[in-house]
Amino acid sequence: MTKKQTDADRLRDLLEAAGLSQRGAARELGIDERTMRRYVAGDAAVPRVIFLAVERLRDSPPARG
């Protein structure tokens, strides 16, 4: 039997695909780092908007400075 992927698992996978650390993602999204840690640990429900925002960051080219 395979383990069902949790929202925390999915968020970790998205962060990895986007090349973002938890801290970097929190900064990009304008949320507290502790909140991001809670999402990634599975200690808090991940709002749909967080998934959408991280997917957008993953699919966007890096900013040129």
Protein backbone atom coordinates (compact mmCIF):
# COMPACT_ATOMS: atom_id res chain seq x y z
CA MET A 1 0.00 0.00 0.00
CA THR A 2 1.36 3.43 -0.95
CA LYS A 3 1.27 6.38 1.39
CA LYS A 4 -1.08 9.16 0.33
CA GLN A 5 0.73 12.43 -0.32
CA THR A 6 -0.17 15.06 2.25
CA ASP A 7 -0.46 18.78 1.60
CA ALA A 8 2.84 19.20 3.47
CA ASP A 9 4.50 16.66 1.12
CA ARG A 10 3.06 18.46 -1.90
CA LEU A 11 4.29 21.83 -0.63
CA ARG A 12 7.79 20.45 0.00
CA ASP A 13 7.84 19.04 -3.54
CA LEU A 14 6.72 22.37 -5.01
CA LEU A 15 9.35 24.29 -3.04
CA GLU A 16 12.04 21.93 -4.29
CA ALA A 17 10.81 22.22 -7.89
CA ALA A 18 10.84 26.02 -7.55
CA GLY A 19 14.35 25.97 -6.09
CA LEU A 20 13.13 27.74 -2.97
CA SER A 21 14.01 27.25 0.66
CA GLN A 22 11.28 27.60 3.25
CA ARG A 23 12.76 30.95 4.25
CA GLY A 24 13.02 32.14 0.64
CA ALA A 25 9.46 31.09 -0.12
CA ALA A 26 8.16 32.86 2.99
CA ARG A 27 9.93 36.06 1.91
CA GLU A 28 8.63 35.79 -1.67
CA LEU A 29 5.08 35.18 -0.44
CA GLY A 30 5.17 37.82 2.29
CA ILE A 31 4.34 35.39 5.09
CA ASP A 32 6.05 34.69 8.38
CA GLU A 33 8.79 32.05 8.29
CA ARG A 34 7.18 30.26 11.25
CA THR A 35 3.97 29.96 9.27
CA MET A 36 5.83 28.38 6.35
CA ARG A 37 7.57 25.97 8.73
CA ARG A 38 4.18 24.95 10.13
CA TYR A 39 2.84 24.32 6.62
CA VAL A 40 5.86 22.23 5.64
CA ALA A 41 5.79 20.25 8.89
CA GLY A 42 2.11 19.47 8.45
CA ASP A 43 1.23 21.34 11.64
CA ALA A 44 -1.12 23.74 9.83
CA ALA A 45 -3.42 23.40 6.84
CA VAL A 46 -1.88 24.83 3.68
CA PRO A 47 -4.21 27.38 2.09
CA ARG A 48 -4.89 26.84 -1.61
CA VAL A 49 -3.51 30.30 -2.36
CA ILE A 50 -0.10 29.17 -1.06
CA PHE A 51 -0.03 26.27 -3.52
CA LEU A 52 -1.05 28.58 -6.35
CA ALA A 53 1.58 31.17 -5.43
CA VAL A 54 4.41 28.63 -5.17
CA GLU A 55 3.35 27.08 -8.49
CA ARG A 56 3.50 30.55 -10.02
CA LEU A 57 7.01 31.11 -8.60
CA ARG A 58 8.06 27.70 -9.93
CA ASP A 59 6.78 28.52 -13.41
CA SER A 60 8.13 32.10 -13.55
CA PRO A 61 11.57 32.92 -14.87
CA PRO A 62 13.95 34.30 -12.25
CA ALA A 63 13.97 38.07 -11.88
CA ARG A 64 16.83 39.83 -13.60
CA GLY A 65 18.52 42.53 -11.60
